[in-house]
Structure formats: structure tokens, C-alpha cells
Amino acid sequence: MGNLPKYSPMLARLGQLPPPAEDELFGYEMKWDGARALGYVNDAALRLVSRNGLDVTAAYPELGPLPAAVRGNIVLDGEIVALDERGVPSFAALQPRIHQRDPDRVAALARSTPVSYLIFDVLHVDDASTIDLPYVERRDLLLRTVAAGERWSVPPHSVGDGATAFRSSRERLLEGVVAKRLASAYEPGRRSRVWVKIKNFRTQEVIIGGWKPGEGRRADMIGSLLLGVYDDAGRLVYVGHVGTGFTDETLRDLTARLAPHERPDSPFDEVPRPHARGAHWVDPALVGEVQYTEWTADGRLRHPSWRGLRPDKRPNQVRREEG
């Protein structure tokens, strides 16, 4: 990253739209269904860093020309997205790109499933940090510093009228909106109340702690994954199992990735006996994401569906999202 300082992304809390009396105090951005990445442009070279600090530059060569579109050395914040067949950002469409590092395969995927970098913040310009500037000033600086390109852009935001922004996100089949207080500074590494994400559908990051074999056609494959999140005491709490949302290719990939993490005992604080029977346990090393309808009274995910692995998240970061 050269002379540029290292930053950690600021995170939003799950919640509701601000009350009408505070609506004009917030800017509203679309919430993009992709992978968060900080972009470090230093001496005309780009380095992309995931939320958990991994260098992911090699996975997205089509973003390489970005330095020509910015002024000076800079640190950007944004979301890497891939579009599905409807032209909508889709985490499922992005999945093959996240893990791949083989140069030939990466090049082929860049042609078949190109990504875009949607930039929504600027943290540093040349010798000066910008994180203490108000959000509204950082947005203005961003627009003056980054020129749009074929594979990157600065998506628009709106001030006030969050209800309209949220309705627009639903009509566009997007994940939701993020409300950001106009006067707020950027708080690296913090999940702050001045950024609020309001979703059209519910998702939860989860840790894989085990799996159970399938039945019928899937008798020799994974049938369901046993999922957990960490509580404030550092215990891995069981939150349910997921058996839908998988393709055969996904199951083969998960089998290969889980095999090195096998262990003889459960990593969970406690698992109900019926769910533990016949389970294969693994170290809590892999993070994924599910879509679900609600949390049950006993802390389980109702009707979860698998969305994919999240290599950009560390297991110790995974907590139940309250909202």
C-alpha cells in the first residue's frame, strides 16, 4: 500500500429507516449485494483489500485500470459486484470470482462474469486522511476525485426522503438501502449507529460447525450444514441448519473445503440431540451467509437458504445481527 495508511472498513448496523423528524439528516445509498473492498491507489497501482484484510487484487483484473481514473494517491471504499441474468447485482453471480486465483481461470471469468467496483467513500487523498470530514463532504470529494469508467463508478445518493429510496431499492430488486448521517465522520473498523442498513430481505453471516449427510440422491453428499454464531462470551452458539440453496457443484466445493477441518467433537456450545445425531464436526473456520425469514424465540434461523461462502469475513467477526 506504499505510503498510504492501512484502514479497516466502517460497518453499518441493521435497523429501520430514520424517523421522519430526522429524515433530512441522512443521505441514502443503495445497498449492493457483493463483496466489500477497500481500494488503495498508490503510484498508479491498485491494491484491493477485503473486509478481513486479504489482498484480493488478483481476483479482479478488470479493475486494474482504475488508477488512471483517480487524482493522486487515494484510499477508496466500495463494493465489488457481479450482475445476474436480470442485470441485478447478485452475490450468487459473484461467488465463482471470490475464491478464484488461478490466472487462466480468473481471466476467463473476467470475460464471462465481469465485476464492477461501486465506490461510495474516500478515506485518504495523497498525504491527508479524510475520515474526519463529514459524510456529505467526503461524497463531494469523491465525485471530484474519481472519474467513472467501464468497470467502476460512484453511484448516486439522495438526501432525505428515505422512504422513496427504500421503495426504489425494492423496485430495482436490490438488497436495500444504507442511511448515513450527513454530519458523520468515517469510523474505521466500527459498526456504527450513524450508518444504518435497511434490507428488503434478511441475511445472516454464519459459521459452519458441522454437516449431516443427505438422503436419496444426496446420500453420498452433504445434506445440510450446521450453523452457528459467536455470542459476547465467545461461545459458538448453534442457530440451526440449512439444507436448501445448494447446487451439486456447491456441495462438491464445500465437501473439499470442509475436509481439512474435520474434528471428532462438536465446536458448538450445545447442539440439540436430534440435530447432533449422525453429524460430522468441523473446526469453525469457514464463514457463509444465509437468507432467512425470521429468528425463532429459541434463537434459531427460520427457513434459511444458503447464499454462499464469505471468505471476506473472519469467523470471530460473526455475530447475530440485531435489528
Protein backbone atom coordinates (compact mmCIF):
# COMPACT_ATOMS: atom_id res chain seq x y z
CA MET A 1 0.00 0.00 0.00
CA GLY A 2 3.06 2.19 -0.29
CA ASN A 3 2.89 5.33 1.81
CA LEU A 4 -0.84 5.07 2.31
CA PRO A 5 -2.00 4.08 5.81
CA LYS A 6 -3.97 0.89 6.36
CA TYR A 7 -7.69 1.28 7.08
CA SER A 8 -10.49 -1.08 8.12
CA PRO A 9 -13.97 -0.63 6.64
CA MET A 10 -16.64 1.14 8.65
CA LEU A 11 -19.72 -1.07 9.11
CA ALA A 12 -23.44 -0.33 9.32
CA ARG A 13 -25.93 -1.57 11.90
CA LEU A 14 -29.09 -3.36 10.83
CA GLY A 15 -32.17 -1.26 11.55
CA GLN A 16 -35.13 0.72 10.25
CA LEU A 17 -35.43 3.94 8.29
CA PRO A 18 -34.76 7.04 10.41
CA PRO A 19 -37.91 8.66 11.82
CA PRO A 20 -39.47 11.41 9.69
CA ALA A 21 -38.16 14.13 12.03
CA GLU A 22 -34.57 13.02 11.26
CA ASP A 23 -35.01 12.06 7.61
CA GLU A 24 -33.27 15.16 6.23
CA LEU A 25 -30.22 14.49 8.41
CA PHE A 26 -29.35 11.38 6.39
CA GLY A 27 -28.04 10.54 2.96
CA TYR A 28 -29.38 7.36 1.36
CA GLU A 29 -27.42 4.94 -0.82
CA MET A 30 -28.44 1.69 -2.43
CA LYS A 31 -27.14 -1.42 -0.64
CA TRP A 32 -25.22 -3.54 -3.11
CA ASP A 33 -25.20 -7.34 -2.91
CA GLY A 34 -21.49 -8.02 -3.33
CA ALA A 35 -18.15 -8.08 -1.52
CA ARG A 36 -16.78 -5.08 0.35
CA ALA A 37 -13.31 -3.92 -0.67
CA LEU A 38 -11.01 -1.01 0.06
CA GLY A 39 -9.12 0.23 -2.99
CA TYR A 40 -5.59 1.57 -2.45
CA VAL A 41 -4.24 3.52 -5.42
CA ASN A 42 -0.56 4.29 -4.95
CA ASP A 43 1.93 5.29 -7.65
CA ALA A 44 -0.56 4.32 -10.39
CA ALA A 45 -1.04 0.80 -9.00
CA LEU A 46 -4.22 -0.65 -7.49
CA ARG A 47 -4.46 -2.94 -4.48
CA LEU A 48 -7.85 -4.30 -3.40
CA VAL A 49 -8.26 -5.46 0.20
CA SER A 50 -11.24 -7.40 1.55
CA ARG A 51 -13.08 -6.64 4.78
CA ASN A 52 -10.91 -9.12 6.68
CA GLY A 53 -7.67 -7.70 5.33
CA LEU A 54 -6.93 -10.13 2.48
CA ASP A 55 -5.35 -8.90 -0.74
CA VAL A 56 -7.90 -9.81 -3.45
CA THR A 57 -6.41 -7.77 -6.31
CA ALA A 58 -5.54 -10.81 -8.41
CA ALA A 59 -9.17 -11.97 -8.48
CA TYR A 60 -10.41 -8.88 -10.33
CA PRO A 61 -8.01 -7.89 -13.15
CA GLU A 62 -10.67 -5.87 -14.97
CA LEU A 63 -10.41 -3.26 -12.18
CA GLY A 64 -6.68 -2.80 -12.83
CA PRO A 65 -7.08 0.38 -14.98
CA LEU A 66 -8.81 2.24 -12.10
CA PRO A 67 -5.69 4.29 -11.11
CA ALA A 68 -5.90 6.20 -14.40
CA ALA A 69 -9.33 7.47 -13.33
CA VAL A 70 -8.33 8.95 -9.95
CA ARG A 71 -6.38 12.02 -8.95
CA GLY A 72 -3.31 11.29 -6.85
CA ASN A 73 -2.77 8.51 -4.32
CA ILE A 74 -6.02 7.57 -2.64
CA VAL A 75 -7.90 5.08 -0.48
CA LEU A 76 -11.43 4.24 -1.64
CA ASP A 77 -14.25 2.22 -0.11
CA GLY A 78 -16.81 0.35 -2.14
CA GLU A 79 -18.49 -2.89 -3.13
CA ILE A 80 -17.40 -5.32 -5.83
CA VAL A 81 -20.48 -6.70 -7.60
CA ALA A 82 -21.36 -9.07 -10.42
CA LEU A 83 -24.66 -8.99 -12.31
CA ASP A 84 -27.07 -11.88 -12.75
CA GLU A 85 -29.11 -12.62 -15.88
CA ARG A 86 -31.55 -9.82 -14.92
CA GLY A 87 -28.75 -7.26 -14.72
CA VAL A 88 -29.07 -7.06 -10.93
CA PRO A 89 -26.09 -7.26 -8.53
CA SER A 90 -26.06 -10.83 -7.21
CA PHE A 91 -23.88 -12.43 -4.56
CA ALA A 92 -24.50 -15.79 -6.21
CA ALA A 93 -23.13 -14.45 -9.50
CA LEU A 94 -20.06 -13.13 -7.68
CA GLN A 95 -19.33 -16.42 -5.87
CA PRO A 96 -17.12 -18.00 -8.58
CA ARG A 97 -14.95 -14.86 -8.64
CA ILE A 98 -14.33 -14.60 -4.89
CA HIS A 99 -12.33 -17.80 -4.44
CA GLN A 100 -10.51 -17.99 -7.76
CA ARG A 101 -6.78 -17.13 -8.02
CA ASP A 102 -5.62 -19.28 -10.96
CA PRO A 103 -4.61 -16.67 -13.59
CA ASP A 104 -6.11 -18.52 -16.57
CA ARG A 105 -9.39 -19.21 -14.80
CA VAL A 106 -9.53 -15.63 -13.46
CA ALA A 107 -9.05 -14.26 -16.98
CA ALA A 108 -11.84 -16.48 -18.33
CA LEU A 109 -14.21 -15.44 -15.55
CA ALA A 110 -13.38 -11.78 -16.08
CA ARG A 111 -14.66 -12.19 -19.62
CA SER A 112 -17.75 -14.27 -18.80
CA THR A 113 -18.74 -12.67 -15.48
CA PRO A 114 -17.08 -9.26 -15.22
CA VAL A 115 -17.33 -7.34 -11.97
CA SER A 116 -17.81 -3.66 -11.24
CA TYR A 117 -16.48 -1.62 -8.33
CA LEU A 118 -19.19 0.64 -6.89
CA ILE A 119 -17.33 3.30 -4.90
CA PHE A 120 -19.13 5.12 -2.11
CA ASP A 121 -16.44 6.69 0.11
CA VAL A 122 -12.94 8.13 0.15
CA LEU A 123 -10.69 7.74 3.21
CA HIS A 124 -7.40 9.26 2.17
CA VAL A 125 -6.08 11.56 -0.55
CA ASP A 126 -2.32 11.98 -1.02
CA ASP A 127 -0.89 12.97 2.39
CA ALA A 128 -4.21 13.70 4.11
CA SER A 129 -6.75 11.44 5.81
CA THR A 130 -10.34 12.39 5.04
CA ILE A 131 -12.07 10.21 7.64
CA ASP A 132 -12.82 13.15 9.96
CA LEU A 133 -14.66 15.04 7.23
CA PRO A 134 -18.48 14.86 7.35
CA TYR A 135 -20.03 12.23 5.09
CA VAL A 136 -21.53 14.87 2.81
CA GLU A 137 -18.10 16.46 2.24
CA ARG A 138 -16.46 13.09 1.56
CA ARG A 139 -19.13 12.35 -1.04
CA ASP A 140 -18.43 15.67 -2.77
CA LEU A 141 -14.69 15.00 -2.67
CA LEU A 142 -15.25 11.51 -4.10
CA LEU A 143 -17.16 12.87 -7.08
CA ARG A 144 -14.36 15.36 -7.78
CA THR A 145 -11.62 12.76 -7.41
CA VAL A 146 -12.86 9.67 -9.28
CA ALA A 147 -13.91 9.64 -12.93
CA ALA A 148 -16.38 6.93 -13.92
CA GLY A 149 -15.09 4.06 -16.04
CA GLU A 150 -16.42 0.96 -17.73
CA ARG A 151 -15.98 -1.21 -14.63
CA TRP A 152 -16.26 1.32 -11.77
CA SER A 153 -18.48 4.21 -10.80
CA VAL A 154 -19.65 6.39 -7.92
CA PRO A 155 -23.37 5.54 -7.60
CA PRO A 156 -25.66 8.44 -6.73
CA HIS A 157 -27.04 9.10 -3.28
CA SER A 158 -30.00 11.16 -2.13
CA VAL A 159 -30.53 13.45 0.86
CA GLY A 160 -33.75 12.89 2.78
CA ASP A 161 -36.86 11.07 1.55
CA GLY A 162 -35.55 7.69 2.69
CA ALA A 163 -38.92 6.05 2.08
CA THR A 164 -38.64 6.80 -1.64
CA ALA A 165 -35.06 5.49 -1.76
CA PHE A 166 -36.12 2.30 0.01
CA ARG A 167 -39.07 1.80 -2.32
CA SER A 168 -36.77 2.33 -5.30
CA SER A 169 -34.39 -0.34 -3.99
CA ARG A 170 -37.25 -2.82 -3.86
CA GLU A 171 -38.45 -1.95 -7.35
CA ARG A 172 -34.90 -2.41 -8.66
CA LEU A 173 -34.63 -5.81 -6.89
CA LEU A 174 -31.73 -4.54 -4.76
CA GLU A 175 -30.81 -5.62 -1.24
CA GLY A 176 -32.00 -2.40 0.41
CA VAL A 177 -30.53 0.98 1.37
CA VAL A 178 -27.94 2.36 3.76
CA ALA A 179 -28.82 5.54 5.64
CA LYS A 180 -25.75 7.61 6.54
CA ARG A 181 -25.87 10.63 8.81
CA LEU A 182 -24.71 13.62 6.78
CA ALA A 183 -22.57 15.11 9.53
CA SER A 184 -20.87 11.83 10.47
CA ALA A 185 -17.17 11.03 10.25
CA TYR A 186 -15.85 7.72 8.94
CA GLU A 187 -15.16 5.32 11.81
CA PRO A 188 -12.71 2.65 10.58
CA GLY A 189 -13.43 -0.85 11.85
CA ARG A 190 -16.52 0.14 13.82
CA ARG A 191 -20.13 -0.95 13.36
CA SER A 192 -21.61 2.47 13.96
CA ARG A 193 -25.12 3.72 14.62
CA VAL A 194 -24.60 6.63 12.21
CA TRP A 195 -24.79 4.13 9.33
CA VAL A 196 -27.98 2.05 9.24
CA LYS A 197 -28.70 -0.69 6.70
CA ILE A 198 -32.36 -1.33 5.90
CA LYS A 199 -32.89 -4.56 3.99
CA ASN A 200 -35.57 -5.86 1.64
CA PHE A 201 -34.68 -9.40 2.69
CA ARG A 202 -32.89 -10.77 5.72
CA THR A 203 -29.41 -12.25 5.60
CA GLN A 204 -27.12 -13.51 8.33
CA GLU A 205 -23.45 -14.41 8.34
CA VAL A 206 -22.93 -17.87 9.86
CA ILE A 207 -20.09 -20.20 10.79
CA ILE A 208 -20.12 -23.82 9.61
CA GLY A 209 -19.56 -26.11 12.61
CA GLY A 210 -20.58 -29.41 11.06
CA TRP A 211 -22.66 -31.15 8.44
CA LYS A 212 -25.05 -34.06 8.08
CA PRO A 213 -25.21 -36.48 5.15
CA GLY A 214 -28.03 -36.22 2.65
CA GLU A 215 -30.66 -38.74 1.68
CA GLY A 216 -31.74 -40.23 -1.63
CA ARG A 217 -29.82 -38.58 -4.46
CA ARG A 218 -27.62 -36.80 -1.94
CA ALA A 219 -26.89 -39.89 0.17
CA ASP A 220 -23.15 -39.59 -0.50
CA MET A 221 -23.06 -35.79 -0.24
CA ILE A 222 -23.65 -33.05 2.29
CA GLY A 223 -27.35 -32.88 3.09
CA SER A 224 -27.29 -29.90 5.45
CA LEU A 225 -24.82 -27.61 7.20
CA LEU A 226 -24.92 -26.99 10.95
CA LEU A 227 -24.58 -23.29 11.62
CA GLY A 228 -23.51 -21.06 14.47
CA VAL A 229 -22.64 -17.51 15.52
CA TYR A 230 -20.48 -16.31 18.38
CA ASP A 231 -22.06 -14.73 21.44
CA ASP A 232 -20.49 -11.97 23.55
CA ALA A 233 -18.86 -14.59 25.80
CA GLY A 234 -17.01 -16.09 22.83
CA ARG A 235 -19.13 -19.25 22.65
CA LEU A 236 -20.17 -20.69 19.30
CA VAL A 237 -23.96 -20.81 19.59
CA TYR A 238 -25.94 -23.18 17.39
CA VAL A 239 -28.53 -21.31 15.30
CA GLY A 240 -29.91 -24.07 13.07
CA HIS A 241 -29.17 -26.00 9.90
CA VAL A 242 -29.55 -25.22 6.21
CA GLY A 243 -30.30 -27.77 3.51
CA THR A 244 -31.53 -25.61 0.62
CA GLY A 245 -29.90 -23.21 -1.82
CA PHE A 246 -27.14 -25.62 -2.91
CA THR A 247 -26.14 -26.80 -6.35
CA ASP A 248 -24.23 -30.05 -6.79
CA GLU A 249 -21.15 -28.01 -7.70
CA THR A 250 -21.52 -26.01 -4.47
CA LEU A 251 -21.79 -29.20 -2.43
CA ARG A 252 -18.67 -30.66 -4.02
CA ASP A 253 -16.78 -27.46 -3.31
CA LEU A 254 -17.97 -27.37 0.31
CA THR A 255 -17.00 -31.02 0.81
CA ALA A 256 -13.46 -30.29 -0.36
CA ARG A 257 -13.16 -27.14 1.76
CA LEU A 258 -14.51 -28.73 4.93
CA ALA A 259 -12.44 -31.94 4.73
CA PRO A 260 -9.21 -30.41 6.16
CA HIS A 261 -11.17 -29.05 9.15
CA GLU A 262 -12.71 -32.32 10.38
CA ARG A 263 -12.65 -32.90 14.13
CA PRO A 264 -14.04 -35.59 16.48
CA ASP A 265 -16.15 -33.33 18.69
CA SER A 266 -18.66 -30.53 18.30
CA PRO A 267 -17.34 -26.94 18.23
CA PHE A 268 -20.73 -25.61 19.40
CA ASP A 269 -21.53 -24.67 22.96
CA GLU A 270 -24.53 -27.00 22.70
CA VAL A 271 -26.48 -28.70 19.90
CA PRO A 272 -29.94 -30.25 20.35
CA ARG A 273 -29.60 -34.04 20.34
CA PRO A 274 -31.68 -34.69 17.18
CA HIS A 275 -29.51 -32.30 15.18
CA ALA A 276 -26.27 -33.72 16.57
CA ARG A 277 -27.11 -37.33 15.73
CA GLY A 278 -25.03 -38.51 12.76
CA ALA A 279 -23.25 -35.17 12.40
CA HIS A 280 -19.73 -34.71 11.05
CA TRP A 281 -17.97 -31.95 13.01
CA VAL A 282 -15.52 -29.39 11.67
CA ASP A 283 -13.43 -26.59 13.13
CA PRO A 284 -15.30 -23.25 12.97
CA ALA A 285 -13.11 -21.92 10.18
CA LEU A 286 -15.47 -21.23 7.25
CA VAL A 287 -17.95 -18.35 7.14
CA GLY A 288 -21.02 -18.37 4.93
CA GLU A 289 -24.22 -16.42 4.50
CA VAL A 290 -27.87 -17.46 4.52
CA GLN A 291 -31.13 -15.77 3.68
CA TYR A 292 -33.95 -16.42 6.17
CA THR A 293 -37.44 -15.32 7.17
CA GLU A 294 -37.04 -14.60 10.90
CA TRP A 295 -35.41 -15.62 14.17
CA THR A 296 -37.43 -18.01 16.32
CA ALA A 297 -37.99 -17.46 20.03
CA ASP A 298 -35.31 -20.04 20.86
CA GLY A 299 -32.67 -18.38 18.69
CA ARG A 300 -32.93 -20.42 15.50
CA LEU A 301 -33.00 -19.25 11.89
CA ARG A 302 -36.37 -19.94 10.33
CA HIS A 303 -36.35 -21.21 6.71
CA PRO A 304 -32.68 -20.44 5.97
CA SER A 305 -31.38 -20.79 2.41
CA TRP A 306 -27.69 -20.93 1.54
CA ARG A 307 -26.24 -17.95 -0.34
CA GLY A 308 -22.56 -18.82 -0.38
CA LEU A 309 -19.24 -18.72 1.44
CA ARG A 310 -17.88 -15.41 2.73
CA PRO A 311 -14.06 -15.65 2.63
CA ASP A 312 -14.00 -11.89 3.17
CA LYS A 313 -15.25 -12.38 6.75
CA ARG A 314 -13.33 -13.81 9.72
CA PRO A 315 -15.16 -16.29 11.97
CA ASN A 316 -14.56 -14.17 15.07
CA GLN A 317 -16.44 -11.31 13.38
CA VAL A 318 -19.67 -13.28 13.09
CA ARG A 319 -22.40 -12.24 15.49
CA ARG A 320 -26.19 -12.33 15.30
CA GLU A 321 -27.39 -9.19 13.57
CA GLU A 322 -29.98 -7.42 15.63
CA GLY A 323 -32.48 -5.13 14.01
